[in-house]
């Protein structure tokens, strides 16, 4: 029984870690896209 609880705890912690990692990667991608959009807008407004 203790082994089952340990396995469930480990898989739960790994699932939380994986979810946080995916959210972090998503935020980084969105930040890069916002930076690119700002650069394109400033180039377009200068013309």
PDB file of N, CA and C in Angstrom:
ATOM      1  N   UNK A   1       0.825  -1.199   0.000  1.00  0.00           N
ATOM      2  CA  UNK A   1       0.000   0.000   0.000  1.00  0.00           C
ATOM      3  C   UNK A   1       0.868   1.262   0.000  1.00  0.00           C
ATOM      4  N   UNK A   2       1.940   1.225   0.766  1.00  0.00           N
ATOM      5  CA  UNK A   2       2.831   2.388   0.812  1.00  0.00           C
ATOM      6  C   UNK A   2       3.503   2.624  -0.540  1.00  0.00           C
ATOM      7  N   UNK A   3       3.812   1.531  -1.234  1.00  0.00           N
ATOM      8  CA  UNK A   3       4.423   1.647  -2.545  1.00  0.00           C
ATOM      9  C   UNK A   3       3.462   2.313  -3.528  1.00  0.00           C
ATOM     10  N   UNK A   4       2.197   1.953  -3.457  1.00  0.00           N
ATOM     11  CA  UNK A   4       1.193   2.559  -4.334  1.00  0.00           C
ATOM     12  C   UNK A   4       1.078   4.052  -4.073  1.00  0.00           C
ATOM     13  N   UNK A   5       1.069   4.440  -2.818  1.00  0.00           N
ATOM     14  CA  UNK A   5       0.982   5.867  -2.462  1.00  0.00           C
ATOM     15  C   UNK A   5       2.223   6.603  -2.959  1.00  0.00           C
ATOM     16  N   UNK A   6       3.391   5.991  -2.828  1.00  0.00           N
ATOM     17  CA  UNK A   6       4.627   6.610  -3.290  1.00  0.00           C
ATOM     18  C   UNK A   6       4.606   6.790  -4.809  1.00  0.00           C
ATOM     19  N   UNK A   7       4.126   5.786  -5.523  1.00  0.00           N
ATOM     20  CA  UNK A   7       4.048   5.879  -6.984  1.00  0.00           C
ATOM     21  C   UNK A   7       3.056   6.963  -7.385  1.00  0.00           C
ATOM     22  N   UNK A   8       1.908   7.006  -6.747  1.00  0.00           N
ATOM     23  CA  UNK A   8       0.914   8.029  -7.074  1.00  0.00           C
ATOM     24  C   UNK A   8       1.438   9.431  -6.763  1.00  0.00           C
ATOM     25  N   UNK A   9       2.143   9.575  -5.666  1.00  0.00           N
ATOM     26  CA  UNK A   9       2.728  10.867  -5.304  1.00  0.00           C
ATOM     27  C   UNK A   9       3.766  11.297  -6.333  1.00  0.00           C
ATOM     28  N   UNK A  10       4.622  10.365  -6.737  1.00  0.00           N
ATOM     29  CA  UNK A  10       5.632  10.672  -7.743  1.00  0.00           C
ATOM     30  C   UNK A  10       4.999  11.068  -9.068  1.00  0.00           C
ATOM     31  N   UNK A  11       4.013  10.329  -9.520  1.00  0.00           N
ATOM     32  CA  UNK A  11       3.369  10.657 -10.799  1.00  0.00           C
ATOM     33  C   UNK A  11       2.618  11.981 -10.704  1.00  0.00           C
ATOM     34  N   UNK A  12       2.037  12.268  -9.562  1.00  0.00           N
ATOM     35  CA  UNK A  12       1.363  13.544  -9.369  1.00  0.00           C
ATOM     36  C   UNK A  12       2.337  14.707  -9.425  1.00  0.00           C
ATOM     37  N   UNK A  13       3.469  14.568  -8.760  1.00  0.00           N
ATOM     38  CA  UNK A  13       4.487  15.614  -8.791  1.00  0.00           C
ATOM     39  C   UNK A  13       5.040  15.794 -10.197  1.00  0.00           C
ATOM     40  N   UNK A  14       5.242  14.696 -10.914  1.00  0.00           N
ATOM     41  CA  UNK A  14       5.736  14.801 -12.279  1.00  0.00           C
ATOM     42  C   UNK A  14       4.711  15.478 -13.178  1.00  0.00           C
ATOM     43  N   UNK A  15       3.432  15.193 -12.979  1.00  0.00           N
ATOM     44  CA  UNK A  15       2.387  15.829 -13.784  1.00  0.00           C
ATOM     45  C   UNK A  15       2.347  17.335 -13.522  1.00  0.00           C
ATOM     46  N   UNK A  16       2.499  17.737 -12.283  1.00  0.00           N
ATOM     47  CA  UNK A  16       2.530  19.168 -11.949  1.00  0.00           C
ATOM     48  C   UNK A  16       3.759  19.826 -12.573  1.00  0.00           C
ATOM     49  N   UNK A  17       4.907  19.177 -12.480  1.00  0.00           N
ATOM     50  CA  UNK A  17       6.132  19.703 -13.082  1.00  0.00           C
ATOM     51  C   UNK A  17       5.965  19.870 -14.592  1.00  0.00           C
ATOM     52  N   UNK A  18       5.391  18.874 -15.241  1.00  0.00           N
ATOM     53  CA  UNK A  18       5.206  18.916 -16.691  1.00  0.00           C
ATOM     54  C   UNK A  18       4.245  20.030 -17.084  1.00  0.00           C
ATOM     55  N   UNK A  19       3.180  20.214 -16.317  1.00  0.00           N
ATOM     56  CA  UNK A  19       2.225  21.279 -16.611  1.00  0.00           C
ATOM     57  C   UNK A  19       2.876  22.652 -16.465  1.00  0.00           C
ATOM     58  N   UNK A  20       3.661  22.849 -15.432  1.00  0.00           N
ATOM     59  CA  UNK A  20       4.346  24.130 -15.231  1.00  0.00           C
ATOM     60  C   UNK A  20       5.346  24.376 -16.358  1.00  0.00           C
ATOM     61  N   UNK A  21       6.050  23.334 -16.780  1.00  0.00           N
ATOM     62  CA  UNK A  21       7.017  23.468 -17.864  1.00  0.00           C
ATOM     63  C   UNK A  21       6.329  23.876 -19.167  1.00  0.00           C
ATOM     64  N   UNK A  22       5.177  23.264 -19.454  1.00  0.00           N
ATOM     65  CA  UNK A  22       4.446  23.605 -20.674  1.00  0.00           C
ATOM     66  C   UNK A  22       3.943  25.046 -20.635  1.00  0.00           C
ATOM     67  N   UNK A  23       3.447  25.480 -19.498  1.00  0.00           N
ATOM     68  CA  UNK A  23       2.966  26.857 -19.372  1.00  0.00           C
ATOM     69  C   UNK A  23       4.131  27.830 -19.542  1.00  0.00           C
ATOM     70  N   UNK A  24       5.264  27.522 -18.953  1.00  0.00           N
ATOM     71  CA  UNK A  24       6.432  28.384 -19.064  1.00  0.00           C
ATOM     72  C   UNK A  24       6.894  28.490 -20.517  1.00  0.00           C
ATOM     73  N   UNK A  25       6.945  27.373 -21.224  1.00  0.00           N
ATOM     74  CA  UNK A  25       7.341  27.404 -22.631  1.00  0.00           C
ATOM     75  C   UNK A  25       6.356  28.219 -23.453  1.00  0.00           C
ATOM     76  N   UNK A  26       5.069  28.091 -23.137  1.00  0.00           N
ATOM     77  CA  UNK A  26       4.051  28.849 -23.854  1.00  0.00           C
ATOM     78  C   UNK A  26       4.234  30.346 -23.625  1.00  0.00           C
ATOM     79  N   UNK A  27       4.524  30.736 -22.404  1.00  0.00           N
ATOM     80  CA  UNK A  27       4.740  32.153 -22.090  1.00  0.00           C
ATOM     81  C   UNK A  27       5.969  32.675 -22.830  1.00  0.00           C
ATOM     82  N   UNK A  28       7.034  31.886 -22.884  1.00  0.00           N
ATOM     83  CA  UNK A  28       8.239  32.313 -23.590  1.00  0.00           C
ATOM     84  C   UNK A  28       7.972  32.496 -25.082  1.00  0.00           C
ATOM     85  N   UNK A  29       7.217  31.592 -25.682  1.00  0.00           N
ATOM     86  CA  UNK A  29       6.881  31.718 -27.102  1.00  0.00           C
ATOM     87  C   UNK A  29       6.049  32.973 -27.351  1.00  0.00           C
ATOM     88  N   UNK A  30       5.076  33.224 -26.498  1.00  0.00           N
ATOM     89  CA  UNK A  30       4.235  34.404 -26.666  1.00  0.00           C
ATOM     90  C   UNK A  30       5.049  35.688 -26.505  1.00  0.00           C
ATOM     91  N   UNK A  31       5.987  35.687 -25.578  1.00  0.00           N
ATOM     92  CA  UNK A  31       6.830  36.862 -25.375  1.00  0.00           C
ATOM     93  C   UNK A  31       7.680  37.127 -26.621  1.00  0.00           C
ATOM     94  N   UNK A  32       8.243  36.070 -27.200  1.00  0.00           N
ATOM     95  CA  UNK A  32       9.037  36.235 -28.416  1.00  0.00           C
ATOM     96  C   UNK A  32       8.174  36.776 -29.555  1.00  0.00           C
ATOM     97  N   UNK A  33       6.944  36.293 -29.681  1.00  0.00           N
ATOM     98  CA  UNK A  33       6.059  36.763 -30.739  1.00  0.00           C
ATOM     99  C   UNK A  33       5.687  38.231 -30.527  1.00  0.00           C
ATOM    100  N   UNK A  34       5.481  38.635 -29.292  1.00  0.00           N
ATOM    101  CA  UNK A  34       5.150  40.036 -29.001  1.00  0.00           C
ATOM    102  C   UNK A  34       6.330  40.931 -29.370  1.00  0.00           C
ATOM    103  N   UNK A  35       7.543  40.491 -29.061  1.00  0.00           N
ATOM    104  CA  UNK A  35       8.735  41.279 -29.405  1.00  0.00           C
ATOM    105  C   UNK A  35       8.837  41.429 -30.926  1.00  0.00           C
ATOM    106  N   UNK A  36       8.596  40.347 -31.661  1.00  0.00           N
ATOM    107  CA  UNK A  36       8.655  40.412 -33.123  1.00  0.00           C
ATOM    108  C   UNK A  36       7.588  41.359 -33.664  1.00  0.00           C
ATOM    109  N   UNK A  37       6.385  41.287 -33.107  1.00  0.00           N
ATOM    110  CA  UNK A  37       5.313  42.171 -33.563  1.00  0.00           C
ATOM    111  C   UNK A  37       5.648  43.634 -33.297  1.00  0.00           C
ATOM    112  N   UNK A  38       6.223  43.924 -32.142  1.00  0.00           N
ATOM    113  CA  UNK A  38       6.616  45.300 -31.832  1.00  0.00           C
ATOM    114  C   UNK A  38       7.658  45.808 -32.824  1.00  0.00           C
ATOM    115  N   UNK A  39       8.636  44.963 -33.141  1.00  0.00           N
ATOM    116  CA  UNK A  39       9.666  45.357 -34.096  1.00  0.00           C
ATOM    117  C   UNK A  39       9.052  45.629 -35.467  1.00  0.00           C
ATOM    118  N   UNK A  40       8.131  44.775 -35.904  1.00  0.00           N
ATOM    119  CA  UNK A  40       7.483  44.974 -37.200  1.00  0.00           C
ATOM    120  C   UNK A  40       6.643  46.248 -37.196  1.00  0.00           C
ATOM    121  N   UNK A  41       5.967  46.516 -36.099  1.00  0.00           N
ATOM    122  CA  UNK A  41       5.138  47.724 -36.028  1.00  0.00           C
ATOM    123  C   UNK A  41       6.001  48.981 -36.052  1.00  0.00           C
ATOM    124  N   UNK A  42       7.123  48.974 -35.358  1.00  0.00           N
ATOM    125  CA  UNK A  42       7.976  50.154 -35.348  1.00  0.00           C
ATOM    126  C   UNK A  42       8.599  50.378 -36.728  1.00  0.00           C
ATOM    127  N   UNK A  43       8.972  49.303 -37.421  1.00  0.00           N
ATOM    128  CA  UNK A  43       9.501  49.433 -38.772  1.00  0.00           C
ATOM    129  C   UNK A  43       8.440  49.976 -39.715  1.00  0.00           C
ATOM    130  N   UNK A  44       7.232  49.492 -39.574  1.00  0.00           N
ATOM    131  CA  UNK A  44       6.128  49.928 -40.455  1.00  0.00           C
ATOM    132  C   UNK A  44       5.757  51.389 -40.186  1.00  0.00           C
ATOM    133  N   UNK A  45       5.786  51.802 -38.951  1.00  0.00           N
ATOM    134  CA  UNK A  45       5.406  53.181 -38.615  1.00  0.00           C
ATOM    135  C   UNK A  45       6.459  54.191 -39.047  1.00  0.00           C
ATOM    136  N   UNK A  46       7.698  53.784 -39.170  1.00  0.00           N
ATOM    137  CA  UNK A  46       8.773  54.685 -39.585  1.00  0.00           C
ATOM    138  C   UNK A  46       8.695  55.023 -41.067  1.00  0.00           C
ATOM    139  N   UNK A  47       8.120  54.120 -41.851  1.00  0.00           N
ATOM    140  CA  UNK A  47       8.071  54.339 -43.307  1.00  0.00           C
ATOM    141  C   UNK A  47       7.107  55.400 -43.704  1.00  0.00           C
TER     142      UNK A  47
END
